[in-house]
Every structure is written in structure tokens, then in C-alpha cells.
C-alpha atoms as a PDB file:
ATOM      1  CA  MET A   1       0.000   0.000   0.000  1.00  0.00           C
ATOM      2  CA  LYS A   2       1.365   3.402  -0.957  1.00  0.00           C
ATOM      3  CA  ARG A   3       1.724   6.264   1.468  1.00  0.00           C
ATOM      4  CA  ASN A   4       1.670   9.842   0.288  1.00  0.00           C
ATOM      5  CA  ALA A   5       4.781  11.807   1.205  1.00  0.00           C
ATOM      6  CA  LEU A   6       3.395  15.291   1.687  1.00  0.00           C
ATOM      7  CA  ALA A   7       5.121  18.224   0.090  1.00  0.00           C
ATOM      8  CA  SER A   8       7.875  19.129   2.499  1.00  0.00           C
ATOM      9  CA  ALA A   9       9.333  22.323   3.479  1.00  0.00           C
ATOM     10  CA  ALA A  10      12.907  22.139   2.499  1.00  0.00           C
ATOM     11  CA  VAL A  11      16.720  19.931  -1.308  1.00  0.00           C
ATOM     12  CA  LEU A  12      19.543  15.938  -2.201  1.00  0.00           C
ATOM     13  CA  ALA A  13      19.101  14.785  -0.536  1.00  0.00           C
ATOM     14  CA  LEU A  14      15.876  16.322   2.419  1.00  0.00           C
ATOM     15  CA  LEU A  15      17.341  13.443   2.691  1.00  0.00           C
ATOM     16  CA  SER A  16      20.145  15.713   2.439  1.00  0.00           C
ATOM     17  CA  VAL A  17      22.058  15.258  -0.593  1.00  0.00           C
ATOM     18  CA  THR A  18      23.311  17.932  -2.917  1.00  0.00           C
ATOM     19  CA  ALA A  19      26.685  19.231  -3.757  1.00  0.00           C
ATOM     20  CA  CYS A  20      28.148  22.655  -3.836  1.00  0.00           C
ATOM     21  CA  SER A  21      25.770  24.626  -1.725  1.00  0.00           C
ATOM     22  CA  SER A  22      25.503  26.249   1.658  1.00  0.00           C
ATOM     23  CA  GLY A  23      25.477  24.135   4.791  1.00  0.00           C
ATOM     24  CA  ALA A  24      21.950  22.789   4.933  1.00  0.00           C
ATOM     25  CA  GLY A  25      21.496  19.333   6.481  1.00  0.00           C
ATOM     26  CA  SER A  26      20.987  16.537   4.054  1.00  0.00           C
ATOM     27  CA  ALA A  27      19.980  13.029   3.768  1.00  0.00           C
ATOM     28  CA  THR A  28      21.793  10.585   2.067  1.00  0.00           C
ATOM     29  CA  PRO A  29      25.136  11.822   2.045  1.00  0.00           C
ATOM     30  CA  ASN A  30      24.868  15.480   2.158  1.00  0.00           C
ATOM     31  CA  PRO A  31      27.669  17.394   0.475  1.00  0.00           C
ATOM     32  CA  THR A  32      28.582  20.331   2.622  1.00  0.00           C
ATOM     33  CA  ALA A  33      29.232  22.401  -0.469  1.00  0.00           C
ATOM     34  CA  ALA A  34      25.663  22.442  -1.761  1.00  0.00           C
ATOM     35  CA  PRO A  35      22.166  23.042  -0.394  1.00  0.00           C
ATOM     36  CA  THR A  36      21.010  19.601   0.112  1.00  0.00           C
ATOM     37  CA  PRO A  37      19.673  21.168  -2.486  1.00  0.00           C
ATOM     38  CA  SER A  38      18.864  17.384   0.830  1.00  0.00           C
ATOM     39  CA  GLN A  39      20.216  -1.320   3.830  1.00  0.00           C
ATOM     40  CA  LEU A  40      19.441 -10.400   1.703  1.00  0.00           C
ATOM     41  CA  PRO A  41      18.976 -13.908  -0.363  1.00  0.00           C
ATOM     42  CA  THR A  42      21.454 -14.504  -3.184  1.00  0.00           C
ATOM     43  CA  ALA A  43      21.165 -11.801  -5.811  1.00  0.00           C
ATOM     44  CA  THR A  44      21.059 -12.226  -9.561  1.00  0.00           C
ATOM     45  CA  ALA A  45      23.912 -11.195 -11.813  1.00  0.00           C
ATOM     46  CA  THR A  46      24.714  -7.524 -11.465  1.00  0.00           C
ATOM     47  CA  PRO A  47      23.237  -5.513 -14.315  1.00  0.00           C
ATOM     48  CA  SER A  48      25.650  -3.327 -16.181  1.00  0.00           C
ATOM     49  CA  VAL A  49      24.555   0.194 -15.414  1.00  0.00           C
ATOM     50  CA  ALA A  50      26.838   3.120 -16.022  1.00  0.00           C
ATOM     51  CA  PRO A  51      24.967   6.377 -15.511  1.00  0.00           C
ATOM     52  CA  SER A  52      25.577   8.742 -18.377  1.00  0.00           C
ATOM     53  CA  PRO A  53      27.092  12.110 -17.519  1.00  0.00           C
ATOM     54  CA  VAL A  54      24.315  14.513 -16.646  1.00  0.00           C
ATOM     55  CA  SER A  55      24.248  17.781 -18.489  1.00  0.00           C
ATOM     56  CA  THR A  56      24.776  20.747 -16.225  1.00  0.00           C
ATOM     57  CA  ALA A  57      22.880  23.000 -18.611  1.00  0.00           C
ATOM     58  CA  THR A  58      20.323  24.967 -16.635  1.00  0.00           C
ATOM     59  CA  ARG A  59      17.376  27.164 -17.307  1.00  0.00           C
ATOM     60  CA  THR A  60      18.090  30.794 -18.067  1.00  0.00           C
ATOM     61  CA  ASN A  61      18.328  32.948 -14.981  1.00  0.00           C
ATOM     62  CA  PRO A  62      15.901  35.870 -15.340  1.00  0.00           C
ATOM     63  CA  THR A  63      18.644  38.312 -14.468  1.00  0.00           C
ATOM     64  CA  THR A  64      22.047  39.171 -15.844  1.00  0.00           C
ATOM     65  CA  LYS A  65      23.435  39.696 -12.388  1.00  0.00           C
ATOM     66  CA  ALA A  66      25.458  36.704 -11.177  1.00  0.00           C
ATOM     67  CA  PRO A  67      24.681  35.322  -7.709  1.00  0.00           C
ATOM     68  CA  PRO A  68      27.380  35.872  -5.071  1.00  0.00           C
ATOM     69  CA  LYS A  69      29.749  33.061  -4.196  1.00  0.00           C
ATOM     70  CA  ARG A  70      28.890  31.187  -1.043  1.00  0.00           C
ATOM     71  CA  SER A  71      31.463  30.369   1.588  1.00  0.00           C
ATOM     72  CA  ALA A  72      31.310  26.560   1.786  1.00  0.00           C
ATOM     73  CA  ALA A  73      33.972  23.957   2.394  1.00  0.00           C
ATOM     74  CA  PRO A  74      34.444  21.319  -0.342  1.00  0.00           C
ATOM     75  CA  HIS A  75      32.575  18.090   0.285  1.00  0.00           C
ATOM     76  CA  THR A  76      34.593  15.113   1.501  1.00  0.00           C
ATOM     77  CA  PRO A  77      33.015  11.654   1.901  1.00  0.00           C
ATOM     78  CA  ARG A  78      32.912  10.309   5.454  1.00  0.00           C
ATOM     79  CA  ALA A  79      32.597   6.606   6.166  1.00  0.00           C
ATOM     80  CA  THR A  80      32.154   6.844   9.940  1.00  0.00           C
ATOM     81  CA  PRO A  81      28.989   8.380  11.438  1.00  0.00           C
ATOM     82  CA  THR A  82      29.554  11.170  13.945  1.00  0.00           C
ATOM     83  CA  ASP A  83      25.893  11.965  14.635  1.00  0.00           C
ATOM     84  CA  PRO A  84      22.898   9.772  15.617  1.00  0.00           C
ATOM     85  CA  ALA A  85      21.165  10.915  12.421  1.00  0.00           C
ATOM     86  CA  GLU A  86      23.893   9.440  10.207  1.00  0.00           C
ATOM     87  CA  ILE A  87      23.616   5.897   8.827  1.00  0.00           C
ATOM     88  CA  SER A  88      26.779   3.945   8.128  1.00  0.00           C
ATOM     89  CA  GLY A  89      27.388   2.638   4.625  1.00  0.00           C
ATOM     90  CA  ALA A  90      29.104  -0.524   5.860  1.00  0.00           C
ATOM     91  CA  ILE A  91      26.906  -2.370   8.370  1.00  0.00           C
ATOM     92  CA  GLY A  92      26.665  -6.167   8.332  1.00  0.00           C
ATOM     93  CA  SER A  93      26.376  -7.658   4.846  1.00  0.00           C
ATOM     94  CA  VAL A  94      24.353  -7.451   1.643  1.00  0.00           C
ATOM     95  CA  PRO A  95      23.327 -10.326  -0.660  1.00  0.00           C
ATOM     96  CA  GLU A  96      26.135 -12.346  -2.185  1.00  0.00           C
ATOM     97  CA  GLY A  97      27.133 -10.907  -5.535  1.00  0.00           C
ATOM     98  CA  PHE A  98      25.311  -7.610  -4.982  1.00  0.00           C
ATOM     99  CA  LYS A  99      26.937  -4.518  -6.468  1.00  0.00           C
ATOM    100  CA  LEU A 100      25.951  -0.892  -6.573  1.00  0.00           C
ATOM    101  CA  PRO A 101      25.985   0.867  -9.955  1.00  0.00           C
ATOM    102  CA  ASP A 102      29.542   1.904 -10.870  1.00  0.00           C
ATOM    103  CA  GLU A 103      30.897   0.994  -7.417  1.00  0.00           C
ATOM    104  CA  ASP A 104      34.160  -0.319  -8.917  1.00  0.00           C
ATOM    105  CA  ARG A 105      34.692   2.683 -11.171  1.00  0.00           C
ATOM    106  CA  ALA A 106      38.128   4.203 -10.832  1.00  0.00           C
ATOM    107  CA  ALA A 107      38.697   7.879 -10.164  1.00  0.00           C
ATOM    108  CA  THR A 108      38.738  10.247 -13.126  1.00  0.00           C
ATOM    109  CA  ASP A 109      40.094  13.746 -13.627  1.00  0.00           C
ATOM    110  CA  ASP A 110      36.700  15.111 -12.581  1.00  0.00           C
ATOM    111  CA  ALA A 111      35.462  12.700  -9.913  1.00  0.00           C
ATOM    112  CA  SER A 112      36.710  10.428  -7.153  1.00  0.00           C
ATOM    113  CA  ALA A 113      36.214   6.686  -7.169  1.00  0.00           C
ATOM    114  CA  PHE A 114      33.097   5.430  -5.382  1.00  0.00           C
ATOM    115  CA  THR A 115      33.963   5.086  -1.706  1.00  0.00           C
ATOM    116  CA  THR A 116      31.964   4.050   1.360  1.00  0.00           C
ATOM    117  CA  SER A 117      30.038   6.932   2.853  1.00  0.00           C
ATOM    118  CA  ILE A 118      27.368   7.724   5.422  1.00  0.00           C
ATOM    119  CA  TRP A 119      23.757   8.593   4.511  1.00  0.00           C
ATOM    120  CA  ARG A 120      21.434  10.973   6.269  1.00  0.00           C
ATOM    121  CA  ALA A 121      17.992  12.494   5.763  1.00  0.00           C
ATOM    122  CA  SER A 122      17.257  16.133   6.425  1.00  0.00           C
ATOM    123  CA  CYS A 123      15.084  19.192   6.221  1.00  0.00           C
ATOM    124  CA  PRO A 124      16.734  22.363   4.876  1.00  0.00           C
ATOM    125  CA  ASP A 125      17.498  23.422   8.437  1.00  0.00           C
ATOM    126  CA  ARG A 126      18.211  20.180  10.300  1.00  0.00           C
ATOM    127  CA  LEU A 127      19.092  16.505  10.091  1.00  0.00           C
ATOM    128  CA  LEU A 128      16.370  13.945  10.720  1.00  0.00           C
ATOM    129  CA  THR A 129      16.966  11.180  13.259  1.00  0.00           C
ATOM    130  CA  LEU A 130      15.092   7.999  12.297  1.00  0.00           C
ATOM    131  CA  ALA A 131      14.429   5.639  15.203  1.00  0.00           C
ATOM    132  CA  SER A 132      13.452   2.885  12.740  1.00  0.00           C
ATOM    133  CA  ALA A 133      17.025   2.872  11.372  1.00  0.00           C
ATOM    134  CA  SER A 134      17.970   0.777  14.411  1.00  0.00           C
ATOM    135  CA  LYS A 135      16.460  -2.206  12.562  1.00  0.00           C
ATOM    136  CA  ILE A 136      19.022  -2.003   9.743  1.00  0.00           C
ATOM    137  CA  THR A 137      21.064  -5.214   9.693  1.00  0.00           C
ATOM    138  CA  GLY A 138      23.212  -4.521   6.648  1.00  0.00           C
ATOM    139  CA  SER A 139      24.169  -1.619   4.382  1.00  0.00           C
ATOM    140  CA  ARG A 140      26.320  -0.635   1.452  1.00  0.00           C
ATOM    141  CA  ILE A 141      26.459   3.041   0.537  1.00  0.00           C
ATOM    142  CA  LYS A 142      29.064   4.506  -1.800  1.00  0.00           C
ATOM    143  CA  GLU A 143      29.486   7.919  -3.367  1.00  0.00           C
ATOM    144  CA  SER A 144      31.740   9.727  -5.818  1.00  0.00           C
ATOM    145  CA  VAL A 145      32.489  13.442  -5.575  1.00  0.00           C
ATOM    146  CA  GLY A 146      33.948  16.081  -7.822  1.00  0.00           C
ATOM    147  CA  PRO A 147      34.640  19.790  -7.382  1.00  0.00           C
ATOM    148  CA  GLU A 148      30.941  20.690  -7.716  1.00  0.00           C
ATOM    149  CA  HIS A 149      29.134  17.361  -7.964  1.00  0.00           C
ATOM    150  CA  VAL A 150      28.237  14.313  -5.891  1.00  0.00           C
ATOM    151  CA  VAL A 151      26.512  11.063  -6.826  1.00  0.00           C
ATOM    152  CA  GLY A 152      25.729   8.165  -4.493  1.00  0.00           C
ATOM    153  CA  ASN A 153      23.973   4.811  -4.360  1.00  0.00           C
ATOM    154  CA  GLY A 154      23.053   2.540  -1.492  1.00  0.00           C
ATOM    155  CA  LEU A 155      21.232  -0.491  -0.183  1.00  0.00           C
ATOM    156  CA  LEU A 156      19.805  -0.825   3.333  1.00  0.00           C
ATOM    157  CA  VAL A 157      18.999  -4.321   4.622  1.00  0.00           C
ATOM    158  CA  PHE A 158      16.382  -4.720   7.356  1.00  0.00           C
ATOM    159  CA  ALA A 159      15.492  -7.583   9.678  1.00  0.00           C
ATOM    160  CA  ASP A 160      12.218  -8.114   7.800  1.00  0.00           C
ATOM    161  CA  GLU A 161       9.716  -6.459   5.497  1.00  0.00           C
ATOM    162  CA  ALA A 162       7.827  -4.839   8.370  1.00  0.00           C
ATOM    163  CA  ALA A 163      11.005  -3.129   9.606  1.00  0.00           C
ATOM    164  CA  ALA A 164      11.804  -1.788   6.143  1.00  0.00           C
ATOM    165  CA  ASP A 165       8.225  -0.557   5.756  1.00  0.00           C
ATOM    166  CA  ALA A 166       8.407   1.221   9.123  1.00  0.00           C
ATOM    167  CA  PHE A 167      11.613   2.963   8.034  1.00  0.00           C
ATOM    168  CA  LEU A 168      10.060   4.373   4.832  1.00  0.00           C
ATOM    169  CA  ALA A 169       6.917   5.345   6.725  1.00  0.00           C
ATOM    170  CA  GLU A 170       8.858   7.253   9.385  1.00  0.00           C
ATOM    171  CA  LEU A 171      11.036   8.927   6.753  1.00  0.00           C
ATOM    172  CA  THR A 172       8.100  10.152   4.659  1.00  0.00           C
ATOM    173  CA  ASP A 173       6.244  11.370   7.758  1.00  0.00           C
ATOM    174  CA  LYS A 174       9.217  13.393   8.981  1.00  0.00           C
ATOM    175  CA  LEU A 175       9.928  14.802   5.515  1.00  0.00           C
ATOM    176  CA  SER A 176       6.327  15.993   5.322  1.00  0.00           C
ATOM    177  CA  GLU A 177       6.957  18.078   8.438  1.00  0.00           C
ATOM    178  CA  CYS A 178       9.908  19.969   6.944  1.00  0.00           C
ATOM    179  CA  ASP A 179       9.535  23.635   6.093  1.00  0.00           C
ATOM    180  CA  VAL A 180       9.299  24.168   2.349  1.00  0.00           C
ATOM    181  CA  GLN A 181      12.090  26.707   2.445  1.00  0.00           C
ATOM    182  CA  GLY A 182      15.106  26.931   4.692  1.00  0.00           C
ATOM    183  CA  PRO A 183      16.459  29.991   6.472  1.00  0.00           C
ATOM    184  CA  SER A 184      18.367  32.639   4.551  1.00  0.00           C
ATOM    185  CA  GLU A 185      22.129  32.425   4.995  1.00  0.00           C
ATOM    186  CA  GLU A 186      24.366  34.991   3.304  1.00  0.00           C
ATOM    187  CA  GLY A 187      21.519  35.774   0.911  1.00  0.00           C
ATOM    188  CA  TRP A 188      20.942  32.112  -0.033  1.00  0.00           C
ATOM    189  CA  ARG A 189      18.218  29.654   0.914  1.00  0.00           C
ATOM    190  CA  THR A 190      17.333  26.021   0.168  1.00  0.00           C
ATOM    191  CA  LEU A 191      13.910  24.844  -0.970  1.00  0.00           C
ATOM    192  CA  GLN A 192      12.827  21.234  -0.537  1.00  0.00           C
ATOM    193  CA  THR A 193       9.857  19.077  -1.413  1.00  0.00           C
ATOM    194  CA  SER A 194       9.120  15.373  -1.185  1.00  0.00           C
ATOM    195  CA  ALA A 195       6.517  13.149  -2.819  1.00  0.00           C
ATOM    196  CA  GLU A 196       5.505   9.529  -3.247  1.00  0.00           C
ATOM    197  CA  LEU A 197       7.657   7.689  -5.797  1.00  0.00           C
ATOM    198  CA  ASP A 198       5.661   5.334  -7.998  1.00  0.00           C
ATOM    199  CA  GLY A 199       6.909   2.488 -10.162  1.00  0.00           C
ATOM    200  CA  PHE A 200       9.705   1.225  -7.918  1.00  0.00           C
ATOM    201  CA  GLY A 201       9.353  -1.623  -5.439  1.00  0.00           C
ATOM    202  CA  ASP A 202       6.572  -1.626  -2.851  1.00  0.00           C
ATOM    203  CA  LEU A 203       6.857   1.930  -1.553  1.00  0.00           C
ATOM    204  CA  GLY A 204       9.042   4.899  -2.430  1.00  0.00           C
ATOM    205  CA  VAL A 205       9.783   8.551  -1.829  1.00  0.00           C
ATOM    206  CA  GLN A 206      11.388  11.247  -3.972  1.00  0.00           C
ATOM    207  CA  VAL A 207      13.168  14.218  -2.384  1.00  0.00           C
ATOM    208  CA  ARG A 208      14.170  17.357  -4.280  1.00  0.00           C
ATOM    209  CA  GLN A 209      16.195  20.362  -3.146  1.00  0.00           C
ATOM    210  CA  TRP A 210      17.290  23.482  -4.979  1.00  0.00           C
ATOM    211  CA  SER A 211      18.819  26.890  -4.247  1.00  0.00           C
ATOM    212  CA  GLU A 212      17.658  30.465  -4.492  1.00  0.00           C
ATOM    213  CA  TRP A 213      19.537  33.701  -3.865  1.00  0.00           C
ATOM    214  CA  ASP A 214      18.262  37.113  -2.838  1.00  0.00           C
ATOM    215  CA  ASN A 215      18.587  39.227  -5.979  1.00  0.00           C
ATOM    216  CA  GLU A 216      17.891  42.708  -4.654  1.00  0.00           C
ATOM    217  CA  GLY A 217      14.716  41.611  -2.872  1.00  0.00           C
ATOM    218  CA  THR A 218      13.625  38.948  -5.370  1.00  0.00           C
ATOM    219  CA  TRP A 219      14.360  35.289  -4.670  1.00  0.00           C
ATOM    220  CA  THR A 220      15.879  33.843  -7.857  1.00  0.00           C
ATOM    221  CA  VAL A 221      16.832  30.253  -8.715  1.00  0.00           C
ATOM    222  CA  ALA A 222      20.582  29.705  -8.592  1.00  0.00           C
ATOM    223  CA  PRO A 223      23.123  26.882  -9.023  1.00  0.00           C
ATOM    224  CA  GLY A 224      22.866  24.144  -6.405  1.00  0.00           C
ATOM    225  CA  ALA A 225      20.279  21.362  -6.491  1.00  0.00           C
ATOM    226  CA  GLY A 226      19.909  17.698  -5.601  1.00  0.00           C
ATOM    227  CA  LEU A 227      17.608  14.763  -6.287  1.00  0.00           C
ATOM    228  CA  GLN A 228      17.168  11.677  -4.125  1.00  0.00           C
ATOM    229  CA  TYR A 229      15.111   8.493  -4.502  1.00  0.00           C
ATOM    230  CA  LEU A 230      14.427   5.761  -1.932  1.00  0.00           C
ATOM    231  CA  ALA A 231      12.288   2.681  -2.546  1.00  0.00           C
ATOM    232  CA  ARG A 232      11.504  -0.473  -0.577  1.00  0.00           C
ATOM    233  CA  LYS A 233      11.384  -3.960  -2.051  1.00  0.00           C
ATOM    234  CA  GLY A 234      10.608  -6.563   0.580  1.00  0.00           C
ATOM    235  CA  ALA A 235      13.118  -6.190   3.433  1.00  0.00           C
ATOM    236  CA  TYR A 236      15.435  -3.929   1.416  1.00  0.00           C
ATOM    237  CA  VAL A 237      15.536  -0.206   0.738  1.00  0.00           C
ATOM    238  CA  GLY A 238      17.491   1.045  -2.263  1.00  0.00           C
ATOM    239  CA  LEU A 239      18.576   4.650  -2.488  1.00  0.00           C
ATOM    240  CA  THR A 240      20.256   6.920  -4.986  1.00  0.00           C
ATOM    241  CA  TYR A 241      21.081  10.612  -4.947  1.00  0.00           C
ATOM    242  CA  GLU A 242      22.852  13.226  -7.022  1.00  0.00           C
ATOM    243  CA  GLY A 243      23.623  16.878  -6.461  1.00  0.00           C
ATOM    244  CA  GLY A 244      25.585  19.611  -8.167  1.00  0.00           C
ATOM    245  CA  GLU A 245      25.454  22.939  -9.914  1.00  0.00           C
ATOM    246  CA  PHE A 246      22.042  22.172 -11.371  1.00  0.00           C
ATOM    247  CA  GLN A 247      19.538  25.010 -11.273  1.00  0.00           C
ATOM    248  CA  GLY A 248      15.908  24.925 -10.186  1.00  0.00           C
ATOM    249  CA  ASP A 249      13.697  21.977  -9.254  1.00  0.00           C
ATOM    250  CA  PRO A 250      15.689  18.862 -10.257  1.00  0.00           C
ATOM    251  CA  ALA A 251      12.460  17.066 -11.209  1.00  0.00           C
ATOM    252  CA  ASP A 252      12.444  19.345 -14.262  1.00  0.00           C
ATOM    253  CA  LEU A 253      15.812  18.000 -15.486  1.00  0.00           C
ATOM    254  CA  PRO A 254      14.980  14.881 -17.553  1.00  0.00           C
ATOM    255  CA  GLU A 255      18.542  13.548 -17.805  1.00  0.00           C
ATOM    256  CA  LEU A 256      19.024  13.760 -14.054  1.00  0.00           C
ATOM    257  CA  VAL A 257      15.705  12.003 -13.428  1.00  0.00           C
ATOM    258  CA  ALA A 258      16.373   9.258 -16.006  1.00  0.00           C
ATOM    259  CA  ASP A 259      19.794   8.531 -14.557  1.00  0.00           C
ATOM    260  CA  ALA A 260      18.434   8.305 -11.000  1.00  0.00           C
ATOM    261  CA  GLU A 261      15.675   5.953 -12.113  1.00  0.00           C
ATOM    262  CA  ALA A 262      18.112   3.689 -13.977  1.00  0.00           C
ATOM    263  CA  ARG A 263      20.397   3.398 -10.970  1.00  0.00           C
ATOM    264  CA  LEU A 264      17.550   2.718  -8.540  1.00  0.00           C
ATOM    265  CA  ALA A 265      16.136   0.032 -10.844  1.00  0.00           C
ATOM    266  CA  ALA A 266      19.547  -1.647 -11.074  1.00  0.00           C
ATOM    267  CA  ILE A 267      19.758  -1.775  -7.264  1.00  0.00           C
ATOM    268  CA  LEU A 268      16.264  -3.193  -6.711  1.00  0.00           C
ATOM    269  CA  ASP A 269      16.623  -5.742  -9.532  1.00  0.00           C
ATOM    270  CA  GLN A 270      19.289  -7.508  -7.465  1.00  0.00           C
ATOM    271  CA  VAL A 271      17.202  -8.144  -4.337  1.00  0.00           C
END
């Protein structure tokens, strides 16, 4: 049975998850450089999924004035949780033969190799602590980062289907309580919304974040957005997120959406 994830008030990841923005909390790894924008039976052979590079082309900004640079430290993946709201990407075990999309990809000139990372959910102004995460028995979460981009994939394994269902239910409920827009910091703010995700597994949620800057009294879309998907299939929850210098609501960027859907499908097809 589907549950509606009400429109939230705050984006990747949110589940915090976007790169290159101000320091809003995020879910699923949340790059500190972007407004976020915020875990198994034997698996089948790993499908070959290599997400295509996503175009960073954005919609035209209705002003010729460039937004000011934000003071934000570059994002660095962290494998060890330091906060109760953070979920480790290396708990227990996942199904034999399971692989995340591109997890063995080597580093390139523009992006790091996929390395183990934490995941967290958030509103634009705070991280979300999920009591139901205590039922996670296994996890694999890996992400790759570049100067202004982050992409991550993960699998959460739960004790049983009921535990996984409770996790998605708690997550969607808490996301629905987020403020739609975060506080203004240095003339920037993060907007976030969440909604039910159809077509994947038994139950899913989509989280979107994007940035706006104060252009002489008018809030204007600006670089910094993230998209995150989570879906349950039986006792497993797959997740994927991506953030970067995208502009505006990431649901309006077809290449970003198609890539996220392909990666999530590849994860769920193995459980």
C-alpha cells in the first residue's frame, strides 16, 4: 500500500544530498558544499549500469546579475557516522554478488572513485533522526564526488519487510513536516519538497532540493540542487542521490531524473 509523502518544506538529498551549496542538512550523504539542495537472499547477476554524464545545462536565470559566491567547504566523503542521524554505509552484509551501480569505477580527472560513505535524511534546516534505522542489519552506501558534484547509491537491509516498511513510513512522515524553504544564509536559501515515488518496489519517496539567492529583494533560482530516490522492495531499501550545480527543481531536469531511475532500478533488480 502506498503512502503519500506530503510536500515538504525544504533539497539531495531532504534526505540531504546535494553538492556545492551552503550548509543545509541533508539526507543521504549530504555534500557540505551544496544546499542539500537534501540497507538479503542470493542476488542475480549484477546488471551493467553506467549512468551517463548529466548535463549541467540549466534554465536561463531571469537576471544578468550573477549570484554571489557562497562560503562553503568542499565536500569530503565520510565513512564513519559522527551523529545519531547518520547511517553507516558498511553495516553487516548485503546479498552475495550484490553490487551498486559503478561501485568499482576508478577515479577520473573530474570525480573520485566510489567510496563508502554515510547517509542521512534532512530538512533544509536540520538533520532527521530515524528511530526505525535501528532495525538495519546490513548496508552498502558509496558515493563519488567532484569539485561541484556528488553522486551516491546505497542499499539498506532490514530484519524483515515490516522493519523496512516502518523505516520508509517514518522517513516520509518526517519529511512531510519539513519547512518548504530553509532559512536565509548569506543571501541564499534552500527549498525542498518530497513526494511519493511510484513504479519502484513496494513503496518509495522522492526528495528534491534546490537553491535560491536574494537578488535585490527577489528570490531567484541559482546553481545548487539535488535529487534523491528511496524505494523499498521486501526487506530492502534502495537509495540513490545526485547533487551539483544544477539550477531549479531537479524534477524538471529529464537527464538527471532518467539517470536516478536507472540506478535505482539496477539496485532493486538484485534483491
